[in-house]
Amino acid sequence: MSEKQRINSMDFMRVSSIFLIITFHLYIEWLRLSHRPSDDFISTFGTVGVSFFIIISGGALSASTKNIFKCSEFYLKRIATIYPAFWVSYLIAFLYIWIVNNNLTGGSDLKSVDD
């Protein structure tokens, strides 16, 4: 499979699972706003959607390794793609907490920096 080739059936399944997850979150928010009891049928959409998405992601990773699999190459590639995004997200969250709260505490029991 070439780098630019896409598997349309996996894309369709991925979109379907994302639709289930979004439906679940919208339903939970609607329940919160309308003060109604939960319906078990729609409540399972989130669980099914996340499980389905994880399975599809594993299939996509497997398909992207072609026929030759080198464990060290696989993990180095994953680290190079995931780790920078982690640190950018971490830095943004750190700056947000620092600016909004004017301290770096993690809870109400800790003393702030200027105490």
PDB file of N, CA and C in Angstrom:
ATOM      1  N   MET A   1       0.857  -1.174   0.000  1.00  0.00           N
ATOM      2  CA  MET A   1       0.000   0.000   0.000  1.00  0.00           C
ATOM      3  C   MET A   1       0.897   1.229   0.000  1.00  0.00           C
ATOM      4  N   SER A   2       0.678   2.106  -0.942  1.00  0.00           N
ATOM      5  CA  SER A   2       1.495   3.312  -1.013  1.00  0.00           C
ATOM      6  C   SER A   2       1.106   4.286   0.088  1.00  0.00           C
ATOM      7  N   GLU A   3       1.973   5.275   0.303  1.00  0.00           N
ATOM      8  CA  GLU A   3       1.770   6.248   1.383  1.00  0.00           C
ATOM      9  C   GLU A   3       0.493   7.055   1.193  1.00  0.00           C
ATOM     10  N   LYS A   4       0.133   7.363  -0.063  1.00  0.00           N
ATOM     11  CA  LYS A   4      -1.027   8.219  -0.320  1.00  0.00           C
ATOM     12  C   LYS A   4      -2.318   7.446  -0.543  1.00  0.00           C
ATOM     13  N   GLN A   5      -2.238   6.123  -0.642  1.00  0.00           N
ATOM     14  CA  GLN A   5      -3.431   5.316  -0.872  1.00  0.00           C
ATOM     15  C   GLN A   5      -4.277   5.255   0.401  1.00  0.00           C
ATOM     16  N   ARG A   6      -5.578   5.432   0.248  1.00  0.00           N
ATOM     17  CA  ARG A   6      -6.492   5.411   1.388  1.00  0.00           C
ATOM     18  C   ARG A   6      -7.422   4.215   1.256  1.00  0.00           C
ATOM     19  N   ILE A   7      -7.827   3.698   2.387  1.00  0.00           N
ATOM     20  CA  ILE A   7      -8.799   2.615   2.411  1.00  0.00           C
ATOM     21  C   ILE A   7     -10.137   3.252   2.754  1.00  0.00           C
ATOM     22  N   ASN A   8     -10.995   3.373   1.744  1.00  0.00           N
ATOM     23  CA  ASN A   8     -12.267   4.086   1.920  1.00  0.00           C
ATOM     24  C   ASN A   8     -13.177   3.428   2.944  1.00  0.00           C
ATOM     25  N   SER A   9     -13.162   2.102   3.022  1.00  0.00           N
ATOM     26  CA  SER A   9     -14.027   1.428   3.995  1.00  0.00           C
ATOM     27  C   SER A   9     -13.610   1.764   5.433  1.00  0.00           C
ATOM     28  N   MET A  10     -12.291   1.886   5.665  1.00  0.00           N
ATOM     29  CA  MET A  10     -11.830   2.280   7.007  1.00  0.00           C
ATOM     30  C   MET A  10     -12.216   3.717   7.312  1.00  0.00           C
ATOM     31  N   ASP A  11     -12.133   4.592   6.312  1.00  0.00           N
ATOM     32  CA  ASP A  11     -12.544   5.981   6.514  1.00  0.00           C
ATOM     33  C   ASP A  11     -14.028   6.060   6.854  1.00  0.00           C
ATOM     34  N   PHE A  12     -14.840   5.266   6.169  1.00  0.00           N
ATOM     35  CA  PHE A  12     -16.281   5.251   6.442  1.00  0.00           C
ATOM     36  C   PHE A  12     -16.552   4.754   7.858  1.00  0.00           C
ATOM     37  N   MET A  13     -15.875   3.691   8.263  1.00  0.00           N
ATOM     38  CA  MET A  13     -16.075   3.166   9.620  1.00  0.00           C
ATOM     39  C   MET A  13     -15.596   4.163  10.672  1.00  0.00           C
ATOM     40  N   ARG A  14     -14.502   4.863  10.379  1.00  0.00           N
ATOM     41  CA  ARG A  14     -13.987   5.874  11.309  1.00  0.00           C
ATOM     42  C   ARG A  14     -14.999   7.010  11.474  1.00  0.00           C
ATOM     43  N   VAL A  15     -15.556   7.484  10.373  1.00  0.00           N
ATOM     44  CA  VAL A  15     -16.567   8.547  10.440  1.00  0.00           C
ATOM     45  C   VAL A  15     -17.801   8.060  11.184  1.00  0.00           C
ATOM     46  N   SER A  16     -18.189   6.811  10.962  1.00  0.00           N
ATOM     47  CA  SER A  16     -19.351   6.254  11.671  1.00  0.00           C
ATOM     48  C   SER A  16     -19.112   6.224  13.180  1.00  0.00           C
ATOM     49  N   SER A  17     -17.915   5.824  13.589  1.00  0.00           N
ATOM     50  CA  SER A  17     -17.632   5.773  15.024  1.00  0.00           C
ATOM     51  C   SER A  17     -17.580   7.175  15.622  1.00  0.00           C
ATOM     52  N   ILE A  18     -17.034   8.128  14.885  1.00  0.00           N
ATOM     53  CA  ILE A  18     -17.017   9.518  15.369  1.00  0.00           C
ATOM     54  C   ILE A  18     -18.441  10.049  15.497  1.00  0.00           C
ATOM     55  N   PHE A  19     -19.305   9.693  14.552  1.00  0.00           N
ATOM     56  CA  PHE A  19     -20.715  10.097  14.637  1.00  0.00           C
ATOM     57  C   PHE A  19     -21.365   9.541  15.900  1.00  0.00           C
ATOM     58  N   LEU A  20     -21.076   8.285  16.237  1.00  0.00           N
ATOM     59  CA  LEU A  20     -21.622   7.691  17.462  1.00  0.00           C
ATOM     60  C   LEU A  20     -21.135   8.440  18.705  1.00  0.00           C
ATOM     61  N   ILE A  21     -19.860   8.792  18.730  1.00  0.00           N
ATOM     62  CA  ILE A  21     -19.288   9.499  19.889  1.00  0.00           C
ATOM     63  C   ILE A  21     -19.889  10.889  20.027  1.00  0.00           C
ATOM     64  N   ILE A  22     -20.013  11.608  18.909  1.00  0.00           N
ATOM     65  CA  ILE A  22     -20.598  12.955  18.947  1.00  0.00           C
ATOM     66  C   ILE A  22     -22.060  12.885  19.373  1.00  0.00           C
ATOM     67  N   THR A  23     -22.795  11.894  18.854  1.00  0.00           N
ATOM     68  CA  THR A  23     -24.203  11.718  19.240  1.00  0.00           C
ATOM     69  C   THR A  23     -24.315  11.482  20.740  1.00  0.00           C
ATOM     70  N   PHE A  24     -23.445  10.652  21.272  1.00  0.00           N
ATOM     71  CA  PHE A  24     -23.454  10.383  22.707  1.00  0.00           C
ATOM     72  C   PHE A  24     -23.219  11.652  23.513  1.00  0.00           C
ATOM     73  N   HIS A  25     -22.214  12.449  23.130  1.00  0.00           N
ATOM     74  CA  HIS A  25     -21.905  13.671  23.889  1.00  0.00           C
ATOM     75  C   HIS A  25     -23.017  14.705  23.772  1.00  0.00           C
ATOM     76  N   LEU A  26     -23.615  14.828  22.611  1.00  0.00           N
ATOM     77  CA  LEU A  26     -24.749  15.749  22.467  1.00  0.00           C
ATOM     78  C   LEU A  26     -25.940  15.296  23.298  1.00  0.00           C
ATOM     79  N   TYR A  27     -26.161  13.985  23.327  1.00  0.00           N
ATOM     80  CA  TYR A  27     -27.269  13.434  24.117  1.00  0.00           C
ATOM     81  C   TYR A  27     -27.053  13.680  25.610  1.00  0.00           C
ATOM     82  N   ILE A  28     -25.837  13.473  26.088  1.00  0.00           N
ATOM     83  CA  ILE A  28     -25.539  13.710  27.507  1.00  0.00           C
ATOM     84  C   ILE A  28     -25.753  15.182  27.857  1.00  0.00           C
ATOM     85  N   GLU A  29     -25.318  16.066  26.977  1.00  0.00           N
ATOM     86  CA  GLU A  29     -25.517  17.506  27.226  1.00  0.00           C
ATOM     87  C   GLU A  29     -26.998  17.860  27.212  1.00  0.00           C
ATOM     88  N   TRP A  30     -27.755  17.264  26.298  1.00  0.00           N
ATOM     89  CA  TRP A  30     -29.200  17.510  26.231  1.00  0.00           C
ATOM     90  C   TRP A  30     -29.879  17.013  27.514  1.00  0.00           C
ATOM     91  N   LEU A  31     -29.456  15.849  28.012  1.00  0.00           N
ATOM     92  CA  LEU A  31     -30.005  15.339  29.274  1.00  0.00           C
ATOM     93  C   LEU A  31     -29.711  16.290  30.425  1.00  0.00           C
ATOM     94  N   ARG A  32     -28.490  16.813  30.443  1.00  0.00           N
ATOM     95  CA  ARG A  32     -28.106  17.725  31.517  1.00  0.00           C
ATOM     96  C   ARG A  32     -28.946  18.993  31.486  1.00  0.00           C
ATOM     97  N   LEU A  33     -29.182  19.512  30.305  1.00  0.00           N
ATOM     98  CA  LEU A  33     -29.949  20.754  30.187  1.00  0.00           C
ATOM     99  C   LEU A  33     -31.443  20.555  30.418  1.00  0.00           C
ATOM    100  N   SER A  34     -31.969  19.399  30.048  1.00  0.00           N
ATOM    101  CA  SER A  34     -33.416  19.177  30.165  1.00  0.00           C
ATOM    102  C   SER A  34     -33.806  18.442  31.442  1.00  0.00           C
ATOM    103  N   HIS A  35     -32.820  18.013  32.235  1.00  0.00           N
ATOM    104  CA  HIS A  35     -33.067  17.319  33.505  1.00  0.00           C
ATOM    105  C   HIS A  35     -33.924  16.075  33.306  1.00  0.00           C
ATOM    106  N   ARG A  36     -33.608  15.288  32.292  1.00  0.00           N
ATOM    107  CA  ARG A  36     -34.344  14.056  32.011  1.00  0.00           C
ATOM    108  C   ARG A  36     -33.500  12.842  32.409  1.00  0.00           C
ATOM    109  N   PRO A  37     -34.163  11.713  32.646  1.00  0.00           N
ATOM    110  CA  PRO A  37     -33.397  10.493  32.957  1.00  0.00           C
ATOM    111  C   PRO A  37     -32.708   9.951  31.699  1.00  0.00           C
ATOM    112  N   SER A  38     -31.666   9.189  31.905  1.00  0.00           N
ATOM    113  CA  SER A  38     -30.882   8.653  30.800  1.00  0.00           C
ATOM    114  C   SER A  38     -31.594   7.489  30.124  1.00  0.00           C
ATOM    115  N   ASP A  39     -31.394   7.366  28.820  1.00  0.00           N
ATOM    116  CA  ASP A  39     -31.889   6.236  28.048  1.00  0.00           C
ATOM    117  C   ASP A  39     -30.702   5.313  27.788  1.00  0.00           C
ATOM    118  N   ASP A  40     -30.800   4.063  28.201  1.00  0.00           N
ATOM    119  CA  ASP A  40     -29.662   3.154  28.093  1.00  0.00           C
ATOM    120  C   ASP A  40     -29.251   2.887  26.652  1.00  0.00           C
ATOM    121  N   PHE A  41     -30.179   2.934  25.714  1.00  0.00           N
ATOM    122  CA  PHE A  41     -29.840   2.652  24.319  1.00  0.00           C
ATOM    123  C   PHE A  41     -28.854   3.677  23.763  1.00  0.00           C
ATOM    124  N   ILE A  42     -29.135   4.950  23.941  1.00  0.00           N
ATOM    125  CA  ILE A  42     -28.252   5.984  23.402  1.00  0.00           C
ATOM    126  C   ILE A  42     -26.993   6.107  24.256  1.00  0.00           C
ATOM    127  N   SER A  43     -27.074   5.765  25.521  1.00  0.00           N
ATOM    128  CA  SER A  43     -25.900   5.848  26.385  1.00  0.00           C
ATOM    129  C   SER A  43     -24.796   4.891  25.954  1.00  0.00           C
ATOM    130  N   THR A  44     -25.140   3.813  25.269  1.00  0.00           N
ATOM    131  CA  THR A  44     -24.126   2.864  24.806  1.00  0.00           C
ATOM    132  C   THR A  44     -23.406   3.353  23.551  1.00  0.00           C
ATOM    133  N   PHE A  45     -23.923   4.391  22.894  1.00  0.00           N
ATOM    134  CA  PHE A  45     -23.289   4.892  21.668  1.00  0.00           C
ATOM    135  C   PHE A  45     -21.842   5.297  21.906  1.00  0.00           C
ATOM    136  N   GLY A  46     -21.566   5.958  23.013  1.00  0.00           N
ATOM    137  CA  GLY A  46     -20.212   6.411  23.301  1.00  0.00           C
ATOM    138  C   GLY A  46     -19.255   5.254  23.473  1.00  0.00           C
ATOM    139  N   THR A  47     -19.664   4.235  24.228  1.00  0.00           N
ATOM    140  CA  THR A  47     -18.820   3.069  24.449  1.00  0.00           C
ATOM    141  C   THR A  47     -18.552   2.320  23.157  1.00  0.00           C
ATOM    142  N   VAL A  48     -19.587   2.100  22.387  1.00  0.00           N
ATOM    143  CA  VAL A  48     -19.433   1.392  21.111  1.00  0.00           C
ATOM    144  C   VAL A  48     -18.579   2.212  20.153  1.00  0.00           C
ATOM    145  N   GLY A  49     -18.814   3.524  20.082  1.00  0.00           N
ATOM    146  CA  GLY A  49     -18.064   4.386  19.179  1.00  0.00           C
ATOM    147  C   GLY A  49     -16.584   4.417  19.501  1.00  0.00           C
ATOM    148  N   VAL A  50     -16.232   4.539  20.784  1.00  0.00           N
ATOM    149  CA  VAL A  50     -14.819   4.582  21.182  1.00  0.00           C
ATOM    150  C   VAL A  50     -14.160   3.229  20.919  1.00  0.00           C
ATOM    151  N   SER A  51     -14.818   2.136  21.269  1.00  0.00           N
ATOM    152  CA  SER A  51     -14.260   0.804  21.021  1.00  0.00           C
ATOM    153  C   SER A  51     -14.042   0.572  19.530  1.00  0.00           C
ATOM    154  N   PHE A  52     -15.027   0.941  18.751  1.00  0.00           N
ATOM    155  CA  PHE A  52     -14.956   0.800  17.295  1.00  0.00           C
ATOM    156  C   PHE A  52     -13.802   1.629  16.735  1.00  0.00           C
ATOM    157  N   PHE A  53     -13.647   2.859  17.221  1.00  0.00           N
ATOM    158  CA  PHE A  53     -12.582   3.742  16.743  1.00  0.00           C
ATOM    159  C   PHE A  53     -11.204   3.164  17.073  1.00  0.00           C
ATOM    160  N   ILE A  54     -11.039   2.605  18.260  1.00  0.00           N
ATOM    161  CA  ILE A  54      -9.756   2.017  18.647  1.00  0.00           C
ATOM    162  C   ILE A  54      -9.432   0.810  17.773  1.00  0.00           C
ATOM    163  N   ILE A  55     -10.419  -0.027  17.499  1.00  0.00           N
ATOM    164  CA  ILE A  55     -10.200  -1.187  16.636  1.00  0.00           C
ATOM    165  C   ILE A  55      -9.820  -0.747  15.226  1.00  0.00           C
ATOM    166  N   ILE A  56     -10.504   0.257  14.698  1.00  0.00           N
ATOM    167  CA  ILE A  56     -10.200   0.762  13.358  1.00  0.00           C
ATOM    168  C   ILE A  56      -8.808   1.377  13.322  1.00  0.00           C
ATOM    169  N   SER A  57      -8.427   2.094  14.366  1.00  0.00           N
ATOM    170  CA  SER A  57      -7.090   2.681  14.411  1.00  0.00           C
ATOM    171  C   SER A  57      -6.020   1.601  14.398  1.00  0.00           C
ATOM    172  N   GLY A  58      -6.252   0.520  15.108  1.00  0.00           N
ATOM    173  CA  GLY A  58      -5.312  -0.609  15.072  1.00  0.00           C
ATOM    174  C   GLY A  58      -5.217  -1.211  13.686  1.00  0.00           C
ATOM    175  N   GLY A  59      -6.349  -1.330  13.007  1.00  0.00           N
ATOM    176  CA  GLY A  59      -6.339  -1.840  11.638  1.00  0.00           C
ATOM    177  C   GLY A  59      -5.591  -0.913  10.696  1.00  0.00           C
ATOM    178  N   ALA A  60      -5.773   0.388  10.872  1.00  0.00           N
ATOM    179  CA  ALA A  60      -5.075   1.365  10.018  1.00  0.00           C
ATOM    180  C   ALA A  60      -3.570   1.321  10.278  1.00  0.00           C
ATOM    181  N   LEU A  61      -3.164   1.190  11.548  1.00  0.00           N
ATOM    182  CA  LEU A  61      -1.743   1.072  11.865  1.00  0.00           C
ATOM    183  C   LEU A  61      -1.155  -0.198  11.251  1.00  0.00           C
ATOM    184  N   SER A  62      -1.904  -1.274  11.316  1.00  0.00           N
ATOM    185  CA  SER A  62      -1.443  -2.530  10.737  1.00  0.00           C
ATOM    186  C   SER A  62      -1.307  -2.421   9.223  1.00  0.00           C
ATOM    187  N   ALA A  63      -2.258  -1.774   8.581  1.00  0.00           N
ATOM    188  CA  ALA A  63      -2.208  -1.606   7.129  1.00  0.00           C
ATOM    189  C   ALA A  63      -1.080  -0.665   6.713  1.00  0.00           C
ATOM    190  N   SER A  64      -0.730   0.280   7.576  1.00  0.00           N
ATOM    191  CA  SER A  64       0.306   1.246   7.215  1.00  0.00           C
ATOM    192  C   SER A  64       1.719   0.691   7.343  1.00  0.00           C
ATOM    193  N   THR A  65       1.885  -0.444   7.997  1.00  0.00           N
ATOM    194  CA  THR A  65       3.217  -1.018   8.155  1.00  0.00           C
ATOM    195  C   THR A  65       3.670  -1.791   6.931  1.00  0.00           C
ATOM    196  N   LYS A  66       2.822  -1.893   5.929  1.00  0.00           N
ATOM    197  CA  LYS A  66       3.113  -2.638   4.699  1.00  0.00           C
ATOM    198  C   LYS A  66       3.357  -4.099   5.047  1.00  0.00           C
ATOM    199  N   ASN A  67       4.256  -4.747   4.360  1.00  0.00           N
ATOM    200  CA  ASN A  67       4.528  -6.164   4.635  1.00  0.00           C
ATOM    201  C   ASN A  67       5.737  -6.365   5.526  1.00  0.00           C
ATOM    202  N   ILE A  68       6.555  -5.340   5.660  1.00  0.00           N
ATOM    203  CA  ILE A  68       7.761  -5.439   6.475  1.00  0.00           C
ATOM    204  C   ILE A  68       7.533  -4.658   7.765  1.00  0.00           C
ATOM    205  N   PHE A  69       7.711  -5.314   8.898  1.00  0.00           N
ATOM    206  CA  PHE A  69       7.486  -4.654  10.184  1.00  0.00           C
ATOM    207  C   PHE A  69       8.770  -4.686  10.992  1.00  0.00           C
ATOM    208  N   LYS A  70       9.250  -3.509  11.344  1.00  0.00           N
ATOM    209  CA  LYS A  70      10.402  -3.385  12.236  1.00  0.00           C
ATOM    210  C   LYS A  70       9.917  -2.660  13.485  1.00  0.00           C
ATOM    211  N   CYS A  71       9.994  -3.325  14.602  1.00  0.00           N
ATOM    212  CA  CYS A  71       9.467  -2.802  15.854  1.00  0.00           C
ATOM    213  C   CYS A  71      10.110  -1.469  16.229  1.00  0.00           C
ATOM    214  N   SER A  72      11.423  -1.383  16.151  1.00  0.00           N
ATOM    215  CA  SER A  72      12.105  -0.144  16.538  1.00  0.00           C
ATOM    216  C   SER A  72      11.706   1.015  15.626  1.00  0.00           C
ATOM    217  N   GLU A  73      11.596   0.738  14.323  1.00  0.00           N
ATOM    218  CA  GLU A  73      11.192   1.781  13.378  1.00  0.00           C
ATOM    219  C   GLU A  73       9.759   2.245  13.634  1.00  0.00           C
ATOM    220  N   PHE A  74       8.886   1.289  13.962  1.00  0.00           N
ATOM    221  CA  PHE A  74       7.488   1.603  14.249  1.00  0.00           C
ATOM    222  C   PHE A  74       7.391   2.547  15.449  1.00  0.00           C
ATOM    223  N   TYR A  75       8.073   2.213  16.553  1.00  0.00           N
ATOM    224  CA  TYR A  75       7.974   3.031  17.758  1.00  0.00           C
ATOM    225  C   TYR A  75       8.678   4.376  17.618  1.00  0.00           C
ATOM    226  N   LEU A  76       9.782   4.415  16.908  1.00  0.00           N
ATOM    227  CA  LEU A  76      10.444   5.703  16.674  1.00  0.00           C
ATOM    228  C   LEU A  76       9.555   6.637  15.861  1.00  0.00           C
ATOM    229  N   LYS A  77       8.871   6.084  14.868  1.00  0.00           N
ATOM    230  CA  LYS A  77       7.951   6.897  14.064  1.00  0.00           C
ATOM    231  C   LYS A  77       6.786   7.398  14.919  1.00  0.00           C
ATOM    232  N   ARG A  78       6.249   6.543  15.772  1.00  0.00           N
ATOM    233  CA  ARG A  78       5.132   6.951  16.638  1.00  0.00           C
ATOM    234  C   ARG A  78       5.574   8.019  17.630  1.00  0.00           C
ATOM    235  N   ILE A  79       6.767   7.854  18.209  1.00  0.00           N
ATOM    236  CA  ILE A  79       7.281   8.854  19.156  1.00  0.00           C
ATOM    237  C   ILE A  79       7.488  10.185  18.460  1.00  0.00           C
ATOM    238  N   ALA A  80       8.021  10.156  17.247  1.00  0.00           N
ATOM    239  CA  ALA A  80       8.275  11.395  16.502  1.00  0.00           C
ATOM    240  C   ALA A  80       6.985  12.116  16.136  1.00  0.00           C
ATOM    241  N   THR A  81       5.879  11.387  15.986  1.00  0.00           N
ATOM    242  CA  THR A  81       4.617  12.043  15.617  1.00  0.00           C
ATOM    243  C   THR A  81       3.771  12.416  16.834  1.00  0.00           C
ATOM    244  N   ILE A  82       3.825  11.637  17.896  1.00  0.00           N
ATOM    245  CA  ILE A  82       2.945  11.875  19.051  1.00  0.00           C
ATOM    246  C   ILE A  82       3.594  12.763  20.107  1.00  0.00           C
ATOM    247  N   TYR A  83       4.857  12.569  20.397  1.00  0.00           N
ATOM    248  CA  TYR A  83       5.522  13.273  21.498  1.00  0.00           C
ATOM    249  C   TYR A  83       5.540  14.797  21.341  1.00  0.00           C
ATOM    250  N   PRO A  84       5.825  15.348  20.165  1.00  0.00           N
ATOM    251  CA  PRO A  84       5.774  16.814  20.040  1.00  0.00           C
ATOM    252  C   PRO A  84       4.373  17.382  20.304  1.00  0.00           C
ATOM    253  N   ALA A  85       3.340  16.706  19.844  1.00  0.00           N
ATOM    254  CA  ALA A  85       1.972  17.175  20.101  1.00  0.00           C
ATOM    255  C   ALA A  85       1.655  17.128  21.589  1.00  0.00           C
ATOM    256  N   PHE A  86       2.160  16.106  22.281  1.00  0.00           N
ATOM    257  CA  PHE A  86       1.959  16.017  23.721  1.00  0.00           C
ATOM    258  C   PHE A  86       2.563  17.226  24.422  1.00  0.00           C
ATOM    259  N   TRP A  87       3.816  17.581  24.077  1.00  0.00           N
ATOM    260  CA  TRP A  87       4.477  18.688  24.754  1.00  0.00           C
ATOM    261  C   TRP A  87       3.855  20.029  24.405  1.00  0.00           C
ATOM    262  N   VAL A  88       3.368  20.198  23.196  1.00  0.00           N
ATOM    263  CA  VAL A  88       2.673  21.439  22.839  1.00  0.00           C
ATOM    264  C   VAL A  88       1.390  21.550  23.656  1.00  0.00           C
ATOM    265  N   SER A  89       0.625  20.466  23.752  1.00  0.00           N
ATOM    266  CA  SER A  89      -0.606  20.471  24.549  1.00  0.00           C
ATOM    267  C   SER A  89      -0.309  20.725  26.023  1.00  0.00           C
ATOM    268  N   TYR A  90       0.724  20.105  26.521  1.00  0.00           N
ATOM    269  CA  TYR A  90       1.122  20.275  27.917  1.00  0.00           C
ATOM    270  C   TYR A  90       1.504  21.732  28.191  1.00  0.00           C
ATOM    271  N   LEU A  91       2.259  22.333  27.294  1.00  0.00           N
ATOM    272  CA  LEU A  91       2.675  23.723  27.454  1.00  0.00           C
ATOM    273  C   LEU A  91       1.469  24.673  27.408  1.00  0.00           C
ATOM    274  N   ILE A  92       0.545  24.426  26.498  1.00  0.00           N
ATOM    275  CA  ILE A  92      -0.658  25.266  26.401  1.00  0.00           C
ATOM    276  C   ILE A  92      -1.481  25.154  27.687  1.00  0.00           C
ATOM    277  N   ALA A  93      -1.668  23.938  28.190  1.00  0.00           N
ATOM    278  CA  ALA A  93      -2.431  23.749  29.429  1.00  0.00           C
ATOM    279  C   ALA A  93      -1.721  24.416  30.605  1.00  0.00           C
ATOM    280  N   PHE A  94      -0.398  24.273  30.679  1.00  0.00           N
ATOM    281  CA  PHE A  94       0.383  24.896  31.738  1.00  0.00           C
ATOM    282  C   PHE A  94       0.216  26.415  31.717  1.00  0.00           C
ATOM    283  N   LEU A  95       0.374  27.016  30.541  1.00  0.00           N
ATOM    284  CA  LEU A  95       0.246  28.470  30.426  1.00  0.00           C
ATOM    285  C   LEU A  95      -1.171  28.935  30.748  1.00  0.00           C
ATOM    286  N   TYR A  96      -2.163  28.185  30.313  1.00  0.00           N
ATOM    287  CA  TYR A  96      -3.552  28.543  30.600  1.00  0.00           C
ATOM    288  C   TYR A  96      -3.800  28.541  32.111  1.00  0.00           C
ATOM    289  N   ILE A  97      -3.378  27.483  32.793  1.00  0.00           N
ATOM    290  CA  ILE A  97      -3.584  27.398  34.243  1.00  0.00           C
ATOM    291  C   ILE A  97      -2.813  28.503  34.956  1.00  0.00           C
ATOM    292  N   TRP A  98      -1.618  28.761  34.507  1.00  0.00           N
ATOM    293  CA  TRP A  98      -0.783  29.781  35.132  1.00  0.00           C
ATOM    294  C   TRP A  98      -1.380  31.170  34.952  1.00  0.00           C
ATOM    295  N   ILE A  99      -1.872  31.481  33.755  1.00  0.00           N
ATOM    296  CA  ILE A  99      -2.430  32.805  33.477  1.00  0.00           C
ATOM    297  C   ILE A  99      -3.800  32.981  34.129  1.00  0.00           C
ATOM    298  N   VAL A 100      -4.687  32.000  33.997  1.00  0.00           N
ATOM    299  CA  VAL A 100      -6.044  32.128  34.516  1.00  0.00           C
ATOM    300  C   VAL A 100      -6.075  32.092  36.040  1.00  0.00           C
ATOM    301  N   ASN A 101      -5.348  31.172  36.642  1.00  0.00           N
ATOM    302  CA  ASN A 101      -5.396  31.016  38.099  1.00  0.00           C
ATOM    303  C   ASN A 101      -4.363  31.860  38.832  1.00  0.00           C
ATOM    304  N   ASN A 102      -3.437  32.409  38.127  1.00  0.00           N
ATOM    305  CA  ASN A 102      -2.355  33.216  38.696  1.00  0.00           C
ATOM    306  C   ASN A 102      -1.512  32.425  39.693  1.00  0.00           C
ATOM    307  N   ASN A 103      -1.514  31.110  39.565  1.00  0.00           N
ATOM    308  CA  ASN A 103      -0.655  30.255  40.360  1.00  0.00           C
ATOM    309  C   ASN A 103      -0.540  28.905  39.662  1.00  0.00           C
ATOM    310  N   LEU A 104       0.256  28.044  40.238  1.00  0.00           N
ATOM    311  CA  LEU A 104       0.480  26.736  39.633  1.00  0.00           C
ATOM    312  C   LEU A 104       0.033  25.611  40.539  1.00  0.00           C
ATOM    313  N   THR A 105      -0.990  25.833  41.328  1.00  0.00           N
ATOM    314  CA  THR A 105      -1.459  24.805  42.249  1.00  0.00           C
ATOM    315  C   THR A 105      -2.357  23.828  41.522  1.00  0.00           C
ATOM    316  N   GLY A 106      -2.470  22.634  42.104  1.00  0.00           N
ATOM    317  CA  GLY A 106      -3.278  21.607  41.477  1.00  0.00           C
ATOM    318  C   GLY A 106      -4.620  21.390  42.151  1.00  0.00           C
ATOM    319  N   GLY A 107      -4.890  22.062  43.242  1.00  0.00           N
ATOM    320  CA  GLY A 107      -6.153  21.872  43.933  1.00  0.00           C
ATOM    321  C   GLY A 107      -6.381  22.944  44.965  1.00  0.00           C
ATOM    322  N   SER A 108      -7.518  22.892  45.620  1.00  0.00           N
ATOM    323  CA  SER A 108      -7.878  23.925  46.575  1.00  0.00           C
ATOM    324  C   SER A 108      -7.123  23.793  47.903  1.00  0.00           C
ATOM    325  N   ASP A 109      -6.579  22.622  48.201  1.00  0.00           N
ATOM    326  CA  ASP A 109      -5.875  22.437  49.466  1.00  0.00           C
ATOM    327  C   ASP A 109      -4.455  22.955  49.431  1.00  0.00           C
ATOM    328  N   LEU A 110      -3.909  23.167  48.253  1.00  0.00           N
ATOM    329  CA  LEU A 110      -2.542  23.650  48.142  1.00  0.00           C
ATOM    330  C   LEU A 110      -2.506  25.164  48.263  1.00  0.00           C
ATOM    331  N   LYS A 111      -1.424  25.681  48.780  1.00  0.00           N
ATOM    332  CA  LYS A 111      -1.296  27.132  48.901  1.00  0.00           C
ATOM    333  C   LYS A 111      -0.801  27.703  47.576  1.00  0.00           C
ATOM    334  N   SER A 112      -1.270  28.906  47.242  1.00  0.00           N
ATOM    335  CA  SER A 112      -0.840  29.521  46.000  1.00  0.00           C
ATOM    336  C   SER A 112       0.575  30.067  46.160  1.00  0.00           C
ATOM    337  N   VAL A 113       1.185  30.439  45.061  1.00  0.00           N
ATOM    338  CA  VAL A 113       2.566  30.893  45.052  1.00  0.00           C
ATOM    339  C   VAL A 113       2.739  32.158  45.862  1.00  0.00           C
ATOM    340  N   ASP A 114       1.760  33.089  45.830  1.00  0.00           N
ATOM    341  CA  ASP A 114       1.903  34.370  46.516  1.00  0.00           C
ATOM    342  C   ASP A 114       1.409  34.325  47.970  1.00  0.00           C
ATOM    343  N   ASP A 115       1.071  33.169  48.529  1.00  0.00           N
ATOM    344  CA  ASP A 115       0.666  33.079  49.950  1.00  0.00           C
ATOM    345  C   ASP A 115       1.865  33.031  50.849  1.00  0.00           C
TER     346      ASP A 115
END
